[in-house]
Protein backbone atom coordinates (compact mmCIF):
# COMPACT_ATOMS: atom_id res chain seq x y z
CA MET A 1 -2.82 -2.70 -0.38
CA ARG A 2 -3.08 0.95 -0.08
CA GLU A 3 -5.57 2.79 -2.27
CA PRO A 4 -6.44 6.43 -2.83
CA ALA A 5 -9.26 7.57 -0.62
CA THR A 6 -12.81 6.79 -1.60
CA LEU A 7 -15.62 9.09 -0.54
CA ALA A 8 -17.16 7.97 2.73
CA ALA A 9 -19.99 9.56 4.68
CA LYS A 10 -17.54 11.11 7.12
CA ASP A 11 -15.74 12.75 4.18
CA ALA A 12 -18.81 14.43 2.73
CA ALA A 13 -18.30 18.18 2.52
CA PRO A 14 -20.92 20.46 4.08
CA PRO A 15 -22.92 22.79 1.84
CA ALA A 16 -20.92 25.76 0.59
CA GLN A 17 -22.67 28.19 2.92
CA ALA A 18 -21.76 26.04 5.96
CA ARG A 19 -18.11 25.42 5.12
CA GLU A 20 -15.47 26.50 7.56
CA PHE A 21 -13.05 27.42 4.75
CA GLY A 22 -13.55 28.81 1.28
CA TRP A 23 -13.17 26.15 -1.41
CA THR A 24 -12.84 26.87 -5.12
CA ASN A 25 -12.23 24.97 -8.32
CA ALA A 26 -8.80 26.58 -8.42
CA ASP A 27 -8.00 25.16 -4.95
CA PHE A 28 -9.04 21.70 -6.09
CA ALA A 29 -7.01 21.94 -9.30
CA ARG A 30 -3.97 22.94 -7.26
CA VAL A 31 -4.42 19.92 -4.98
CA GLN A 32 -4.80 17.68 -8.04
CA ALA A 33 -1.51 18.93 -9.43
CA LEU A 34 0.36 18.60 -6.13
CA ILE A 35 -0.76 15.05 -5.29
CA TYR A 36 0.00 13.97 -8.85
CA GLN A 37 3.45 15.50 -8.63
CA ARG A 38 4.16 14.02 -5.21
CA ALA A 39 2.50 10.58 -5.38
CA GLY A 40 1.44 10.04 -8.98
CA ILE A 41 -2.23 9.88 -7.96
CA SER A 42 -4.78 11.18 -10.44
CA LEU A 43 -7.71 12.64 -8.50
CA HIS A 44 -10.79 12.87 -10.69
CA ASP A 45 -13.23 15.73 -10.47
CA GLY A 46 -15.69 13.76 -8.34
CA LYS A 47 -13.32 13.96 -5.36
CA HIS A 48 -14.08 17.58 -4.43
CA ALA A 49 -15.95 16.69 -1.22
CA MET A 50 -13.36 14.17 -0.05
CA VAL A 51 -10.44 16.52 -0.65
CA TYR A 52 -12.15 19.38 1.17
CA SER A 53 -12.97 17.21 4.17
CA ARG A 54 -9.56 15.57 4.46
CA LEU A 55 -7.47 18.71 3.94
CA SER A 56 -9.63 20.89 6.18
CA ARG A 57 -8.14 18.93 9.07
CA ARG A 58 -4.66 19.90 7.90
CA LEU A 59 -5.64 23.57 7.78
CA ARG A 60 -6.85 23.37 11.37
CA ASP A 61 -3.76 21.50 12.56
CA THR A 62 -1.36 23.92 10.86
CA GLY A 63 -3.25 27.09 11.76
CA HIS A 64 -4.11 28.23 8.22
CA ASN A 65 -7.31 30.13 7.43
CA SER A 66 -7.62 29.28 3.73
CA PHE A 67 -6.66 26.59 1.27
CA GLN A 68 -4.81 29.17 -0.78
CA ASP A 69 -2.56 30.03 2.18
CA TYR A 70 -2.07 26.41 3.19
CA LEU A 71 -1.11 25.24 -0.31
CA ALA A 72 1.22 28.20 -0.85
CA TRP A 73 2.91 27.40 2.48
CA LEU A 74 3.15 23.72 1.55
CA GLU A 75 4.85 24.50 -1.76
CA ARG A 76 7.47 26.65 -0.03
CA GLN A 77 8.76 23.81 2.12
CA ASP A 78 10.02 20.27 1.88
CA GLY A 79 9.31 19.11 5.42
CA GLU A 80 7.01 16.74 7.27
CA GLU A 81 3.80 18.41 6.11
CA TRP A 82 4.22 16.87 2.65
CA GLN A 83 3.91 13.46 4.28
CA GLU A 84 0.80 14.60 6.16
CA PHE A 85 -0.63 15.95 2.89
CA VAL A 86 -0.13 12.58 1.16
CA ASN A 87 -1.44 10.66 4.19
CA ALA A 88 -4.58 12.81 4.23
CA LEU A 89 -5.42 12.07 0.60
CA THR A 90 -4.91 8.32 0.76
CA THR A 91 -6.77 5.63 2.65
CA ASN A 92 -6.17 1.95 3.10
CA LEU A 93 -8.58 -0.79 2.18
CA THR A 94 -7.07 -4.14 3.07
CA SER A 95 -7.65 -7.44 4.87
CA PHE A 96 -5.86 -10.68 5.59
CA PHE A 97 -5.63 -12.98 2.54
CA ARG A 98 -7.55 -10.56 0.35
CA GLU A 99 -7.85 -11.89 -3.23
CA GLN A 100 -7.36 -15.40 -1.90
CA HIS A 101 -6.42 -16.96 -5.24
CA HIS A 102 -3.11 -15.08 -5.20
CA PHE A 103 -1.98 -16.95 -2.12
CA GLY A 104 -2.66 -20.29 -3.78
CA VAL A 105 -0.45 -19.21 -6.69
CA LEU A 106 2.19 -17.96 -4.25
CA GLU A 107 2.13 -21.27 -2.39
CA GLN A 108 2.66 -23.28 -5.57
CA HIS A 109 5.44 -20.97 -6.74
CA LEU A 110 7.26 -21.30 -3.42
CA ARG A 111 7.19 -25.09 -3.85
CA THR A 112 9.36 -24.80 -6.94
CA ARG A 113 13.14 -24.77 -6.75
CA ALA A 114 14.24 -22.14 -4.29
CA PRO A 115 16.63 -19.47 -5.61
CA GLU A 116 20.15 -19.34 -4.27
CA GLY A 117 20.16 -17.36 -1.06
CA GLY A 118 16.42 -17.83 -0.49
CA TRP A 119 13.31 -16.12 -1.82
CA ARG A 120 13.31 -12.32 -2.01
CA ILE A 121 9.78 -10.87 -1.89
CA TRP A 122 8.58 -7.26 -2.02
CA CYS A 123 5.14 -6.12 -0.89
CA SER A 124 5.10 -2.63 -2.39
CA ALA A 125 1.87 -1.36 -0.80
CA ALA A 126 1.91 -2.74 2.72
CA SER A 127 -0.85 -0.54 4.14
CA THR A 128 -1.56 -1.53 7.77
CA GLY A 129 0.21 -4.87 7.39
CA GLU A 130 -2.46 -7.42 6.59
CA GLU A 131 -1.00 -8.15 3.15
CA PRO A 132 2.66 -8.61 4.13
CA TYR A 133 1.75 -10.75 7.13
CA SER A 134 -0.48 -12.90 4.89
CA ILE A 135 2.50 -13.39 2.59
CA VAL A 136 4.75 -14.35 5.51
CA VAL A 137 2.19 -16.82 6.90
CA THR A 138 2.00 -18.49 3.48
CA ALA A 139 5.78 -18.61 3.11
CA MET A 140 6.30 -20.06 6.58
CA GLU A 141 3.69 -22.75 6.01
CA VAL A 142 5.34 -23.81 2.74
CA LEU A 143 9.03 -23.31 3.50
CA ARG A 144 8.96 -24.28 7.20
CA SER A 145 11.74 -21.82 7.92
CA ALA A 146 11.93 -18.07 8.34
CA THR A 147 15.46 -18.15 6.93
CA ALA A 148 14.33 -19.46 3.54
CA PHE A 149 12.87 -16.10 2.49
CA ARG A 150 12.93 -12.39 3.23
CA LEU A 151 10.10 -9.91 2.76
CA TRP A 152 10.43 -6.16 2.22
CA ALA A 153 7.18 -4.29 2.93
CA SER A 154 6.82 -0.66 1.88
CA ASP A 155 4.24 2.10 1.65
CA ILE A 156 4.12 5.82 0.96
CA ASP A 157 1.91 6.48 4.02
CA SER A 158 4.05 6.77 7.15
CA LYS A 159 1.16 6.27 9.57
CA VAL A 160 -0.09 2.99 8.15
CA LEU A 161 3.48 1.72 7.90
CA ALA A 162 3.95 2.36 11.62
CA SER A 163 0.72 0.46 12.28
CA ALA A 164 1.97 -2.44 10.15
CA GLU A 165 5.20 -2.57 12.14
CA ARG A 166 3.22 -2.82 15.40
CA GLY A 167 1.29 -5.79 14.02
CA VAL A 168 -1.71 -5.42 16.34
CA TYR A 169 -5.23 -6.13 15.04
CA ARG A 170 -8.78 -6.60 16.20
CA LEU A 171 -9.71 -10.24 16.59
CA ASP A 172 -12.83 -9.70 14.50
CA ALA A 173 -10.57 -8.68 11.59
CA MET A 174 -9.32 -12.28 11.50
CA LYS A 175 -12.62 -13.73 10.27
CA GLY A 176 -12.01 -16.46 7.75
CA MET A 177 -8.61 -17.35 9.19
CA SER A 178 -8.42 -20.88 10.56
CA ALA A 179 -8.08 -21.50 14.30
CA GLU A 180 -4.82 -23.31 13.55
CA ARG A 181 -3.32 -20.28 11.83
CA LEU A 182 -4.50 -17.97 14.59
CA GLN A 183 -2.87 -20.12 17.25
CA ARG A 184 0.37 -20.60 15.33
CA PHE A 185 0.99 -17.08 14.11
CA PHE A 186 -0.80 -14.70 16.52
CA LEU A 187 -0.90 -13.93 20.23
CA ARG A 188 -4.29 -13.16 21.78
CA GLY A 189 -4.58 -10.15 24.03
CA LYS A 190 -5.63 -10.50 27.66
CA GLY A 191 -7.17 -8.14 30.16
CA ALA A 192 -7.41 -4.66 28.68
CA ASN A 193 -6.26 -6.11 25.33
CA THR A 194 -8.99 -8.73 25.10
CA GLY A 195 -10.38 -8.80 21.58
CA MET A 196 -7.01 -7.92 20.04
CA VAL A 197 -4.23 -10.03 18.54
CA ARG A 198 -0.55 -9.38 17.87
CA VAL A 199 1.59 -11.11 15.26
CA ARG A 200 4.17 -13.43 16.80
CA PRO A 201 7.75 -12.11 16.89
CA GLU A 202 8.95 -14.59 14.25
CA LEU A 203 6.51 -13.10 11.70
CA ARG A 204 7.60 -9.56 12.47
CA ALA A 205 11.28 -10.57 12.29
CA ALA A 206 10.82 -11.87 8.73
CA ILE A 207 9.84 -8.41 7.40
CA GLU A 208 11.82 -5.26 6.78
CA PHE A 209 9.48 -2.25 6.71
CA LEU A 210 10.53 0.83 4.76
CA SER A 211 9.08 3.90 3.07
CA VAL A 212 9.02 3.82 -0.73
CA ASN A 213 7.29 6.23 -3.10
CA LEU A 214 6.56 4.22 -6.24
CA ILE A 215 6.81 7.20 -8.60
CA ARG A 216 10.28 8.23 -7.44
CA ASP A 217 13.37 6.69 -8.96
CA ASP A 218 15.19 6.30 -5.64
CA TRP A 219 14.15 2.81 -4.60
CA PRO A 220 16.69 1.47 -2.08
CA PHE A 221 16.95 -2.09 -3.36
CA ARG A 222 20.34 -3.52 -4.35
CA GLU A 223 19.39 -7.09 -5.28
CA PRO A 224 16.50 -8.21 -7.52
CA PHE A 225 13.29 -9.79 -6.26
CA ASP A 226 11.78 -13.16 -7.11
CA ILE A 227 8.24 -12.05 -6.25
CA VAL A 228 6.55 -8.62 -6.13
CA PHE A 229 3.08 -7.77 -4.84
CA CYS A 230 1.80 -4.45 -6.20
CA ARG A 231 -1.96 -4.72 -5.85
CA ASN A 232 -4.71 -2.14 -6.23
CA VAL A 233 -2.40 0.84 -6.46
CA MET A 234 -1.55 1.50 -10.10
CA ILE A 235 -5.17 1.59 -11.16
CA TYR A 236 -5.15 5.11 -9.68
CA PHE A 237 -2.19 6.21 -11.80
CA ASP A 238 -2.60 7.51 -15.33
CA ALA A 239 -1.17 5.44 -18.20
CA PRO A 240 2.24 7.18 -18.44
CA THR A 241 2.78 6.85 -14.69
CA GLN A 242 1.74 3.18 -14.77
CA ARG A 243 4.28 2.53 -17.49
CA ARG A 244 7.11 4.24 -15.60
CA VAL A 245 6.34 2.30 -12.41
CA LEU A 246 6.13 -1.00 -14.32
CA GLU A 247 9.50 -0.32 -15.92
CA ARG A 248 11.02 0.25 -12.50
CA ILE A 249 9.42 -2.89 -11.07
CA HIS A 250 10.78 -4.79 -14.08
CA ARG A 251 14.28 -3.51 -13.28
CA VAL A 252 14.16 -4.75 -9.67
CA MET A 253 12.87 -8.25 -10.55
CA LYS A 254 14.62 -11.39 -11.69
CA PRO A 255 13.63 -12.83 -15.09
CA GLY A 256 10.81 -15.29 -14.52
CA GLY A 257 9.77 -13.59 -11.30
CA LEU A 258 6.07 -13.21 -10.49
CA LEU A 259 4.21 -9.90 -10.21
CA PHE A 260 0.85 -9.98 -8.39
CA VAL A 261 -1.53 -7.09 -9.21
CA GLY A 262 -5.06 -6.07 -8.27
CA HIS A 263 -8.25 -7.54 -9.67
CA ALA A 264 -9.01 -4.39 -11.71
CA GLU A 265 -5.50 -3.91 -13.10
CA ASN A 266 -4.51 -5.00 -16.58
CA PHE A 267 -1.10 -4.44 -18.12
CA GLY A 268 -1.63 -5.92 -21.56
CA GLU A 269 -0.02 -2.81 -23.08
CA SER A 270 3.25 -3.72 -21.36
CA ARG A 271 3.71 -7.17 -22.83
CA ASP A 272 7.34 -6.29 -23.52
CA LEU A 273 7.87 -6.27 -19.76
CA PHE A 274 5.47 -8.86 -18.33
CA THR A 275 3.57 -11.89 -19.61
CA LEU A 276 0.18 -12.79 -18.15
CA LYS A 277 0.47 -16.13 -16.36
CA GLY A 278 -2.91 -16.38 -14.66
CA LYS A 279 -5.63 -14.30 -13.08
CA THR A 280 -3.87 -10.97 -12.30
CA VAL A 281 -0.49 -12.69 -12.07
CA TYR A 282 2.32 -11.71 -14.46
CA GLU A 283 5.76 -13.13 -15.17
CA ARG A 284 8.72 -10.83 -15.64
CA ARG A 285 10.14 -11.19 -19.17
């Protein structure tokens, strides 16, 4: 569940007189336009300090002396720095089995008649992996077979996606998970890795990780999904962008498929696409 960055203490900008780089309203407006164009994210005006702090690191790493120069250089290319730019302006707030009620709904849905060829599930904001692995744990407990489903897990942030693929976590991040689940689905680290856990190979093998930008119309899927998780992402899009993304999700889902969204997301204006079936769970029309 990846989310645009929230202002943390480490992101607070120093007073203007102590800043390493000049920072103007015009610089901020340019960043707003570029991140909206590239990722569909609407940065509100209260994000000045966060943007300065996060992008200052990119100026240092790329050897630029001003935001004006850095942004002009960024616009002239289409290389890896765009990914770094997006990564810098997003952060990832996630945990295992976050919004627990969704996994109860998922469990009950998986107990219904399985589709021909098995369940196809997409986790569209995988972040560092806690959400997709929570989905796989639930599916394996219900279906008893890793061949009865397939999960595609995507994100726009390349760094968190790489972390998700590794599947290594601190043991203290597993609070609330039963000892039985920990033993069945995770390997505990030893020696220098004490205090860490790694997902078991069968969990990792059930997931295909890939990069997907939700606002681009180049999604790589060829067959429709039965279930889509898209939680706590679209709340940061403006209404027109939300609508475009919902239309695309609708196109890659089977009729009657379930869409799981975040606790603060409401798509009542898109009743022609999805019908509310429960608390932040929608059915594809």
